[in-house]
Amino acid sequence: MPASTKTETAPMPSRTDRAAAGKALRARVSRESHADFEPAAGRDPSAVLAEVDAGRIAALIPIRYERMLVSPFTFLRGAAAVMAADLAAQPTIGIPVQACGDCHLMNFGAFGTPEGRILFDINDFDETLPGIDFTVDLKRLVASVAVAALDAGYSDKKARSFAAATAQAYRDFMRELADLSPLAIWHSRMDLARETERIDDRKLRRTLLKTIVKAKKTLSLDDNFPHLARTKAGVCRIEDRPPLIYHLDADGGGHHAVDARAALAIYQATLPPDRHVLLTRFRLEDVAFKVVGVGSVGTFCAIGLYMSGDDEPLFLQIKEAQSSVLERFRPAGKHRRHQGHRVVEGQRVMQAASDAFLGWAEDRKSGRHFYVRQLKNRRLGSVGEVMEGNALLEYAALCGRTLARAHARSGDPAVISGYIGKSGVFEDALASFSLSYARQTAADHAVVARDRAGRKRRRA
């Protein structure tokens, strides 16, 4: 009898089996234990931030701290490395996902798709890394909710309830996703028009609907978006708006170490063939430096202005990608070879509809790594715009659901849901953690503010 050519494979576990496996992990790390946060002995947030600053453009460090020290919430935004160091000392369950690494309230936004839909999703993936416990992102999100609530003048009790609602939204949507097929999960999207129907707060619902209508009609640009100016010869250029947008040749701070034009040329080879063809319909006309965000200030970021033959503009952003703060949990592995590639891969895994122009590049002279994406106005708005009434609660819940969807693409929603369970035990623990970490953030903000003020006095 001929030898069988059939390959014996183990059967894939069912949803029920995977949920049971998740539930069994409670014996390793109890759900209640996530309430605990005890700062490590000798903990020094200024020292952690100084490590991050060492790889950044020195001339921009003062702007970084100026933005970070506005409030405890802005401090939390800029202190992803501090929180990663804290969470690395906390118990983790062992349920891996592709993690965002900097999952706070302001790292979500509205995006227009080519089909005319407006989606809500995570914005930036500079710190993304695979194989990280799902609780790392979720704890940063609920902590940011508590910090934002306290900054807005809410009581501890209210801040705690907002954080609990965020965790509950994550739990409930993860349970829904656990019942779907892998394909259905992969194609799920947070359609902003549909999501507004869940919102009880009328004022926020109207605000979001206005955002949708405005985005569909005009895709209007915000004040931080580059403006075009023409030279006397009629050539389009990016308009200088110092200190946030300016041409590199006007800078004396050492940004010349990066040849952005050469890096953008290298980037084109990383595009899929169809996107490469599309980009050939444009020509690079101008490059300008751009100061970005809170956490990213001090990294190299530039804007490339591409123009079609009929003067139709396309802006691409080339942004430096450094080591992820999540490397405190596990080595970057293959991603250490190219940090820009790491960011692009993570964004493609987590986002429902990734940027068509995503790619990566490097500056061969300095050895710096970059990722490239289309520059467009996609912020839903500032936290201040969603804080009145119960709006923060609704917005935070939307972020919780969105994070669940992003995690379910790479993680196993049945295992995650099995661990979390149906009761409020897990969300109650995270709510307690969020309040403890909010207090720690306020203390860190004060410490770093004193340290920076002391430095200024010594320099003076």
Protein backbone atom coordinates (compact mmCIF):
# COMPACT_ATOMS: atom_id res chain seq x y z
CA MET A 1 0.00 0.00 0.00
CA PRO A 2 1.50 3.40 -0.98
CA ALA A 3 2.67 5.67 1.81
CA SER A 4 0.15 8.33 2.68
CA THR A 5 1.00 11.82 1.49
CA LYS A 6 -1.50 13.35 3.88
CA THR A 7 0.09 15.67 6.43
CA GLU A 8 -1.22 15.15 9.94
CA THR A 9 -2.00 18.43 11.65
CA ALA A 10 -3.42 19.16 15.06
CA PRO A 11 -7.00 20.44 14.94
CA MET A 12 -7.41 24.16 15.47
CA PRO A 13 -9.02 24.94 18.83
CA SER A 14 -12.58 26.20 18.79
CA ARG A 15 -13.77 29.50 20.23
CA THR A 16 -15.02 27.62 23.26
CA ASP A 17 -11.63 25.99 23.82
CA ARG A 18 -9.80 29.28 23.37
CA ALA A 19 -12.13 31.10 25.75
CA ALA A 20 -11.52 28.36 28.33
CA ALA A 21 -7.76 28.77 27.84
CA GLY A 22 -8.12 32.49 28.50
CA LYS A 23 -10.17 31.87 31.62
CA ALA A 24 -7.52 29.43 32.89
CA LEU A 25 -4.91 32.21 32.74
CA ARG A 26 -6.64 33.88 35.70
CA ALA A 27 -4.84 31.32 37.86
CA ARG A 28 -1.52 32.77 36.69
CA VAL A 29 -2.49 36.44 37.00
CA SER A 30 -5.75 37.20 38.76
CA ARG A 31 -8.00 39.88 37.33
CA GLU A 32 -8.05 41.64 40.69
CA SER A 33 -4.24 42.00 40.66
CA HIS A 34 -4.44 44.59 37.86
CA ALA A 35 -5.71 47.11 40.41
CA ASP A 36 -2.27 47.29 41.98
CA PHE A 37 0.30 49.93 41.14
CA GLU A 38 3.30 50.40 43.36
CA PRO A 39 6.11 52.61 41.98
CA ALA A 40 9.48 50.88 41.95
CA ALA A 41 12.13 51.92 44.44
CA GLY A 42 14.45 54.53 42.99
CA ARG A 43 12.03 55.35 40.20
CA ASP A 44 13.14 58.53 38.38
CA PRO A 45 10.90 59.85 35.58
CA SER A 46 13.38 62.62 34.71
CA ALA A 47 16.11 60.03 34.11
CA VAL A 48 13.84 57.94 31.86
CA LEU A 49 12.93 61.02 29.83
CA ALA A 50 16.59 62.03 29.60
CA GLU A 51 17.35 58.65 27.99
CA VAL A 52 14.72 59.39 25.34
CA ASP A 53 16.00 62.95 24.84
CA ALA A 54 19.52 61.69 24.12
CA GLY A 55 18.47 60.49 20.68
CA ARG A 56 16.59 63.67 19.74
CA ILE A 57 17.43 67.02 18.18
CA ALA A 58 18.79 69.07 21.07
CA ALA A 59 17.44 72.39 19.80
CA LEU A 60 13.87 71.06 20.01
CA ILE A 61 14.02 69.56 23.50
CA PRO A 62 12.83 72.82 25.16
CA ILE A 63 9.73 72.78 22.91
CA ARG A 64 9.11 69.17 23.90
CA TYR A 65 9.06 70.01 27.61
CA GLU A 66 7.10 73.21 27.07
CA ARG A 67 4.34 71.10 25.51
CA MET A 68 4.60 68.25 28.00
CA LEU A 69 4.45 70.41 31.10
CA VAL A 70 1.20 72.21 30.29
CA SER A 71 -0.75 69.73 32.45
CA PRO A 72 -0.56 66.19 33.84
CA PHE A 73 -2.42 64.99 30.73
CA THR A 74 0.08 66.52 28.29
CA PHE A 75 2.83 65.08 30.47
CA LEU A 76 1.32 61.61 30.17
CA ARG A 77 1.20 62.01 26.38
CA GLY A 78 4.90 62.77 26.23
CA ALA A 79 5.94 60.19 28.82
CA ALA A 80 5.22 56.91 27.02
CA ALA A 81 8.68 55.68 28.03
CA VAL A 82 7.98 56.39 31.71
CA MET A 83 4.73 54.43 31.67
CA ALA A 84 6.31 51.57 29.70
CA ALA A 85 8.99 51.29 32.37
CA ASP A 86 6.31 51.22 35.07
CA LEU A 87 4.18 48.62 33.30
CA ALA A 88 7.18 46.40 32.58
CA ALA A 89 7.37 45.84 36.33
CA GLN A 90 3.68 44.87 36.55
CA PRO A 91 2.26 41.35 36.09
CA THR A 92 1.34 40.46 32.51
CA ILE A 93 -1.02 37.66 31.54
CA GLY A 94 0.66 36.31 28.44
CA ILE A 95 -2.02 37.13 25.85
CA PRO A 96 -0.05 38.83 23.07
CA VAL A 97 -1.27 41.33 20.50
CA GLN A 98 0.26 43.84 18.14
CA ALA A 99 0.38 46.72 20.63
CA CYS A 100 0.17 50.42 19.81
CA GLY A 101 2.53 51.30 22.66
CA ASP A 102 1.20 54.84 23.10
CA CYS A 103 -2.52 54.32 23.45
CA HIS A 104 -3.88 57.50 25.05
CA LEU A 105 -7.07 59.45 24.39
CA MET A 106 -5.48 61.85 21.92
CA ASN A 107 -3.98 59.09 19.79
CA PHE A 108 -7.29 58.45 18.05
CA GLY A 109 -8.79 60.30 15.12
CA ALA A 110 -11.20 60.44 12.21
CA PHE A 111 -10.03 59.31 8.78
CA GLY A 112 -11.63 59.70 5.37
CA THR A 113 -11.53 56.63 3.10
CA PRO A 114 -11.49 56.66 -0.73
CA GLU A 115 -15.07 55.31 -0.56
CA GLY A 116 -16.21 58.47 1.24
CA ARG A 117 -16.63 56.86 4.67
CA ILE A 118 -15.29 58.44 7.84
CA LEU A 119 -13.61 55.93 10.13
CA PHE A 120 -12.45 56.30 13.72
CA ASP A 121 -9.14 54.64 14.50
CA ILE A 122 -5.77 54.85 16.22
CA ASN A 123 -3.58 57.59 14.79
CA ASP A 124 0.12 57.01 15.46
CA PHE A 125 2.15 53.83 15.76
CA ASP A 126 5.66 55.06 16.54
CA GLU A 127 5.90 52.70 19.54
CA THR A 128 4.10 49.68 18.06
CA LEU A 129 5.50 46.19 18.62
CA PRO A 130 4.08 42.67 18.22
CA GLY A 131 3.90 40.07 20.97
CA ILE A 132 2.97 42.47 23.78
CA ASP A 133 0.33 41.70 26.42
CA PHE A 134 -3.00 43.37 25.59
CA THR A 135 -3.18 44.94 29.05
CA VAL A 136 -0.27 47.29 28.27
CA ASP A 137 -2.30 49.34 25.76
CA LEU A 138 -5.48 49.08 27.78
CA LYS A 139 -3.84 50.30 30.99
CA ARG A 140 -2.36 53.30 29.21
CA LEU A 141 -5.74 54.14 27.73
CA VAL A 142 -7.68 53.95 31.01
CA ALA A 143 -4.95 55.90 32.80
CA SER A 144 -5.20 58.65 30.18
CA VAL A 145 -8.98 58.77 30.70
CA ALA A 146 -8.55 59.25 34.45
CA VAL A 147 -5.83 61.89 34.01
CA ALA A 148 -7.90 63.79 31.43
CA ALA A 149 -10.97 63.69 33.69
CA LEU A 150 -9.05 65.01 36.70
CA ASP A 151 -7.46 67.72 34.53
CA ALA A 152 -10.98 68.75 33.50
CA GLY A 153 -12.03 69.16 37.13
CA TYR A 154 -13.96 65.94 37.64
CA SER A 155 -13.87 64.22 41.03
CA ASP A 156 -11.83 61.09 41.72
CA LYS A 157 -15.07 59.10 41.77
CA LYS A 158 -16.12 60.41 38.36
CA ALA A 159 -12.66 59.88 36.86
CA ARG A 160 -12.69 56.32 38.13
CA SER A 161 -16.13 55.68 36.63
CA PHE A 162 -14.99 57.03 33.24
CA ALA A 163 -12.00 54.67 33.27
CA ALA A 164 -14.24 51.74 34.24
CA ALA A 165 -16.61 52.57 31.38
CA THR A 166 -13.68 52.58 28.95
CA ALA A 167 -12.59 49.13 30.11
CA GLN A 168 -16.19 47.92 29.93
CA ALA A 169 -16.51 49.17 26.34
CA TYR A 170 -13.34 47.23 25.49
CA ARG A 171 -14.70 44.11 27.25
CA ASP A 172 -18.12 44.23 25.61
CA PHE A 173 -16.85 44.81 22.09
CA MET A 174 -14.13 42.17 22.45
CA ARG A 175 -16.88 39.71 23.42
CA GLU A 176 -18.81 40.65 20.27
CA LEU A 177 -15.69 40.20 18.14
CA ALA A 178 -14.96 36.81 19.73
CA ASP A 179 -18.12 35.45 18.09
CA LEU A 180 -17.10 36.58 14.59
CA SER A 181 -15.05 34.75 11.99
CA PRO A 182 -11.41 35.83 11.46
CA LEU A 183 -12.40 37.43 8.14
CA ALA A 184 -15.27 39.36 9.70
CA ILE A 185 -12.95 40.63 12.44
CA TRP A 186 -10.35 41.68 9.89
CA HIS A 187 -12.89 43.65 7.88
CA SER A 188 -14.61 45.28 10.88
CA ARG A 189 -14.37 49.06 10.97
CA MET A 190 -15.36 51.81 13.37
CA ASP A 191 -17.64 53.78 11.05
CA LEU A 192 -18.04 57.14 12.75
CA ALA A 193 -21.58 57.70 11.48
CA ARG A 194 -22.64 54.34 12.92
CA GLU A 195 -20.75 54.90 16.16
CA THR A 196 -22.54 58.19 16.80
CA GLU A 197 -25.79 56.24 17.07
CA ARG A 198 -24.45 54.65 20.28
CA ILE A 199 -23.89 58.02 21.94
CA ASP A 200 -26.42 59.25 24.49
CA ASP A 201 -24.90 62.71 24.85
CA ARG A 202 -26.75 64.89 22.35
CA LYS A 203 -24.13 67.61 22.26
CA LEU A 204 -21.33 65.20 21.44
CA ARG A 205 -23.49 63.43 18.87
CA ARG A 206 -24.09 66.75 17.09
CA THR A 207 -20.37 67.60 17.27
CA LEU A 208 -19.40 64.28 15.72
CA LEU A 209 -22.04 64.54 13.01
CA LYS A 210 -20.74 68.00 12.11
CA THR A 211 -17.25 66.52 11.91
CA ILE A 212 -18.48 63.86 9.49
CA VAL A 213 -20.32 66.34 7.27
CA LYS A 214 -17.39 68.75 7.22
CA ALA A 215 -14.90 66.01 6.42
CA LYS A 216 -17.03 64.66 3.58
CA LYS A 217 -17.61 68.09 2.07
CA THR A 218 -14.26 69.75 2.34
CA LEU A 219 -11.67 67.58 4.12
CA SER A 220 -10.65 71.04 5.37
CA LEU A 221 -7.18 71.63 6.68
CA ASP A 222 -6.34 72.69 10.21
CA ASP A 223 -3.97 75.46 11.27
CA ASN A 224 -1.14 72.99 11.67
CA PHE A 225 -1.43 71.83 8.06
CA PRO A 226 1.10 73.25 5.60
CA HIS A 227 0.01 76.11 3.37
CA LEU A 228 1.27 76.64 -0.15
CA ALA A 229 2.93 79.77 -1.46
CA ARG A 230 4.19 80.57 -4.95
CA THR A 231 7.58 82.02 -5.77
CA LYS A 232 7.95 84.92 -8.20
CA ALA A 233 8.66 82.33 -10.86
CA GLY A 234 5.29 80.72 -10.14
CA VAL A 235 6.71 77.59 -8.49
CA CYS A 236 4.77 76.11 -5.56
CA ARG A 237 6.57 75.92 -2.24
CA ILE A 238 5.63 75.09 1.35
CA GLU A 239 5.04 78.30 3.25
CA ASP A 240 7.34 78.82 6.25
CA ARG A 241 5.45 79.10 9.53
CA PRO A 242 8.22 79.10 12.13
CA PRO A 243 8.79 77.68 14.64
CA LEU A 244 6.56 74.76 13.54
CA ILE A 245 7.12 74.57 9.77
CA TYR A 246 10.24 75.93 8.09
CA HIS A 247 12.76 75.10 5.41
CA LEU A 248 15.81 73.15 6.40
CA ASP A 249 18.20 75.61 4.83
CA ALA A 250 16.98 78.22 7.31
CA ASP A 251 17.93 76.05 10.25
CA GLY A 252 21.21 76.08 12.10
CA GLY A 253 20.39 73.34 14.58
CA GLY A 254 21.95 70.37 12.87
CA HIS A 255 18.92 69.04 10.97
CA HIS A 256 21.12 69.00 7.84
CA ALA A 257 22.43 65.66 9.10
CA VAL A 258 19.44 64.12 7.30
CA ASP A 259 19.02 64.27 3.52
CA ALA A 260 15.23 64.12 3.37
CA ARG A 261 15.11 64.21 -0.43
CA ALA A 262 17.41 61.20 -0.73
CA ALA A 263 15.41 59.34 1.93
CA LEU A 264 12.17 60.01 0.06
CA ALA A 265 13.76 58.59 -3.09
CA ILE A 266 14.67 55.40 -1.17
CA TYR A 267 11.12 55.25 0.22
CA GLN A 268 9.56 54.82 -3.21
CA ALA A 269 11.10 51.36 -3.56
CA THR A 270 9.20 50.17 -0.44
CA LEU A 271 5.78 50.92 -1.94
CA PRO A 272 3.64 48.15 -3.45
CA PRO A 273 3.79 48.30 -7.27
CA ASP A 274 0.34 49.90 -7.65
CA ARG A 275 1.15 52.70 -5.16
CA HIS A 276 4.54 53.21 -6.80
CA VAL A 277 2.77 53.79 -10.12
CA LEU A 278 0.44 56.29 -8.44
CA LEU A 279 3.33 58.24 -6.92
CA THR A 280 5.00 58.56 -10.33
CA ARG A 281 2.09 60.83 -11.27
CA PHE A 282 3.62 63.40 -8.92
CA ARG A 283 7.00 65.09 -8.66
CA LEU A 284 8.76 66.13 -5.45
CA GLU A 285 8.90 69.93 -5.47
CA ASP A 286 9.79 70.98 -1.94
CA VAL A 287 10.76 69.70 1.52
CA ALA A 288 10.29 71.51 4.85
CA PHE A 289 10.92 70.59 8.49
CA LYS A 290 7.87 70.16 10.75
CA VAL A 291 7.72 70.09 14.55
CA VAL A 292 5.15 67.47 15.53
CA GLY A 293 3.03 66.40 18.47
CA VAL A 294 4.04 66.16 22.10
CA GLY A 295 5.75 62.81 22.45
CA SER A 296 7.45 63.09 19.05
CA VAL A 297 9.00 66.54 19.46
CA GLY A 298 12.73 66.32 18.85
CA THR A 299 12.59 63.51 16.32
CA PHE A 300 13.26 64.39 12.70
CA CYS A 301 10.08 65.08 10.76
CA ALA A 302 9.73 66.70 7.37
CA ILE A 303 7.01 67.30 4.78
CA GLY A 304 7.49 66.54 1.12
CA LEU A 305 5.36 68.52 -1.31
CA TYR A 306 4.59 66.56 -4.46
CA MET A 307 2.77 68.19 -7.38
CA SER A 308 1.00 66.69 -10.37
CA GLY A 309 1.36 68.15 -13.84
CA ASP A 310 -1.81 70.15 -13.17
CA ASP A 311 -0.62 71.63 -9.85
CA GLU A 312 -2.56 69.20 -7.65
CA PRO A 313 -0.68 68.82 -4.35
CA LEU A 314 0.15 65.68 -2.38
CA PHE A 315 1.85 66.04 1.01
CA LEU A 316 3.89 63.16 2.38
CA GLN A 317 5.31 63.16 5.89
CA ILE A 318 8.68 61.54 6.56
CA LYS A 319 9.06 60.92 10.27
CA GLU A 320 11.92 59.42 12.24
CA ALA A 321 11.30 56.04 13.84
CA GLN A 322 13.39 55.26 16.91
CA SER A 323 13.39 52.19 19.16
CA SER A 324 9.99 51.37 20.65
CA VAL A 325 9.44 52.00 24.35
CA LEU A 326 7.89 48.51 24.38
CA GLU A 327 11.33 46.95 24.00
CA ARG A 328 11.32 47.06 27.80
CA PHE A 329 8.92 44.08 27.55
CA ARG A 330 10.63 42.11 24.80
CA PRO A 331 13.41 42.62 22.22
CA ALA A 332 12.38 44.07 18.88
CA GLY A 333 13.81 41.05 17.03
CA LYS A 334 13.75 41.45 13.26
CA HIS A 335 12.25 44.92 13.67
CA ARG A 336 15.48 46.21 15.17
CA ARG A 337 16.93 46.10 11.66
CA HIS A 338 14.59 48.85 10.49
CA GLN A 339 12.45 50.85 12.89
CA GLY A 340 10.47 52.46 10.07
CA HIS A 341 9.51 49.05 8.73
CA ARG A 342 8.38 48.12 12.27
CA VAL A 343 6.02 51.12 12.39
CA VAL A 344 4.57 50.41 8.94
CA GLU A 345 3.97 46.73 9.70
CA GLY A 346 2.30 47.57 13.02
CA GLN A 347 0.05 50.20 11.48
CA ARG A 348 -1.04 47.83 8.72
CA VAL A 349 -1.93 45.18 11.27
CA MET A 350 -3.84 47.44 13.67
CA GLN A 351 -5.59 49.96 11.44
CA ALA A 352 -8.76 49.03 9.58
CA ALA A 353 -7.78 51.10 6.53
CA SER A 354 -4.12 52.01 6.43
CA ASP A 355 -2.62 54.89 4.51
CA ALA A 356 -2.11 54.10 0.81
CA PHE A 357 1.32 55.75 0.87
CA LEU A 358 2.79 53.93 3.89
CA GLY A 359 6.43 53.05 3.40
CA TRP A 360 9.82 53.31 5.04
CA ALA A 361 13.24 54.79 4.34
CA GLU A 362 16.60 55.53 5.89
CA ASP A 363 19.23 58.22 5.77
CA ARG A 364 22.35 56.31 4.80
CA LYS A 365 24.71 58.95 6.10
CA SER A 366 23.30 59.24 9.64
CA GLY A 367 21.81 55.73 9.86
CA ARG A 368 18.44 57.10 10.98
CA HIS A 369 15.26 55.20 10.13
CA PHE A 370 11.99 56.74 8.95
CA TYR A 371 8.48 55.89 7.95
CA VAL A 372 6.47 57.81 5.37
CA ARG A 373 2.73 58.41 5.16
CA GLN A 374 0.32 60.85 3.61
CA LEU A 375 -0.08 64.04 5.60
CA LYS A 376 -3.71 64.91 6.06
CA ASN A 377 -6.01 66.48 8.60
CA ARG A 378 -7.46 63.56 10.54
CA ARG A 379 -7.77 64.61 14.16
CA LEU A 380 -11.27 64.36 15.55
CA GLY A 381 -10.46 67.25 17.86
CA SER A 382 -8.84 68.02 21.15
CA VAL A 383 -9.91 66.42 24.41
CA GLY A 384 -11.14 69.86 25.49
CA GLU A 385 -13.80 69.70 22.78
CA VAL A 386 -15.33 66.52 24.18
CA MET A 387 -15.19 67.15 27.90
CA GLU A 388 -18.43 68.96 28.63
CA GLY A 389 -21.31 67.02 30.14
CA ASN A 390 -20.90 63.27 29.66
CA ALA A 391 -18.96 63.73 26.41
CA LEU A 392 -15.66 62.50 27.83
CA LEU A 393 -17.38 59.31 28.95
CA GLU A 394 -18.78 58.66 25.47
CA TYR A 395 -15.53 59.54 23.72
CA ALA A 396 -13.50 57.31 26.04
CA ALA A 397 -15.90 54.41 25.43
CA LEU A 398 -15.47 54.89 21.68
CA CYS A 399 -11.70 54.70 22.15
CA GLY A 400 -12.13 51.52 24.22
CA ARG A 401 -14.15 49.84 21.47
CA THR A 402 -11.67 50.97 18.84
CA LEU A 403 -8.75 49.51 20.77
CA ALA A 404 -10.62 46.20 21.11
CA ARG A 405 -11.08 46.07 17.34
CA ALA A 406 -7.39 46.85 16.75
CA HIS A 407 -6.25 44.16 19.21
CA ALA A 408 -8.63 41.55 17.78
CA ARG A 409 -6.89 41.73 14.39
CA SER A 410 -3.64 40.28 15.75
CA GLY A 411 -4.65 38.79 19.10
CA ASP A 412 -7.22 36.12 19.88
CA PRO A 413 -10.47 37.81 20.97
CA ALA A 414 -11.82 34.54 22.39
CA VAL A 415 -8.79 34.14 24.68
CA ILE A 416 -8.90 37.81 25.70
CA SER A 417 -12.64 37.66 26.32
CA GLY A 418 -12.27 34.40 28.23
CA TYR A 419 -9.75 36.01 30.56
CA ILE A 420 -11.74 39.22 31.11
CA GLY A 421 -15.06 37.43 31.64
CA LYS A 422 -18.59 38.81 31.74
CA SER A 423 -18.51 40.45 35.17
CA GLY A 424 -17.10 43.82 36.15
CA VAL A 425 -14.12 42.39 38.08
CA PHE A 426 -11.49 43.25 35.45
CA GLU A 427 -12.81 46.72 34.64
CA ASP A 428 -13.09 47.52 38.35
CA ALA A 429 -9.43 46.57 38.81
CA LEU A 430 -8.38 48.73 35.85
CA ALA A 431 -10.41 51.64 37.20
CA SER A 432 -8.50 51.42 40.50
CA PHE A 433 -5.22 51.22 38.58
CA SER A 434 -6.15 54.26 36.48
CA LEU A 435 -6.71 56.42 39.54
CA SER A 436 -3.46 55.30 41.16
CA TYR A 437 -1.55 55.99 37.97
CA ALA A 438 -3.27 59.35 37.52
CA ARG A 439 -1.96 60.38 40.95
CA GLN A 440 1.49 59.13 40.00
CA THR A 441 1.35 61.11 36.75
CA ALA A 442 0.44 64.30 38.60
CA ALA A 443 3.39 63.73 40.95
CA ASP A 444 5.74 63.01 38.02
CA HIS A 445 4.54 66.14 36.24
CA ALA A 446 5.40 68.22 39.30
CA VAL A 447 8.82 66.56 39.72
CA VAL A 448 9.86 67.03 36.10
CA ALA A 449 8.57 70.62 36.10
CA ARG A 450 10.77 71.35 39.12
CA ASP A 451 13.74 69.65 37.47
CA ARG A 452 13.34 71.67 34.28
CA ALA A 453 12.91 74.92 36.23
CA GLY A 454 16.09 74.11 38.18
CA ARG A 455 18.00 73.56 34.94
CA LYS A 456 16.85 76.91 33.61
CA ARG A 457 17.99 78.67 36.77
CA ARG A 458 21.40 76.98 36.64
CA ARG A 459 21.87 77.95 32.99
CA ALA A 460 20.85 81.53 33.78
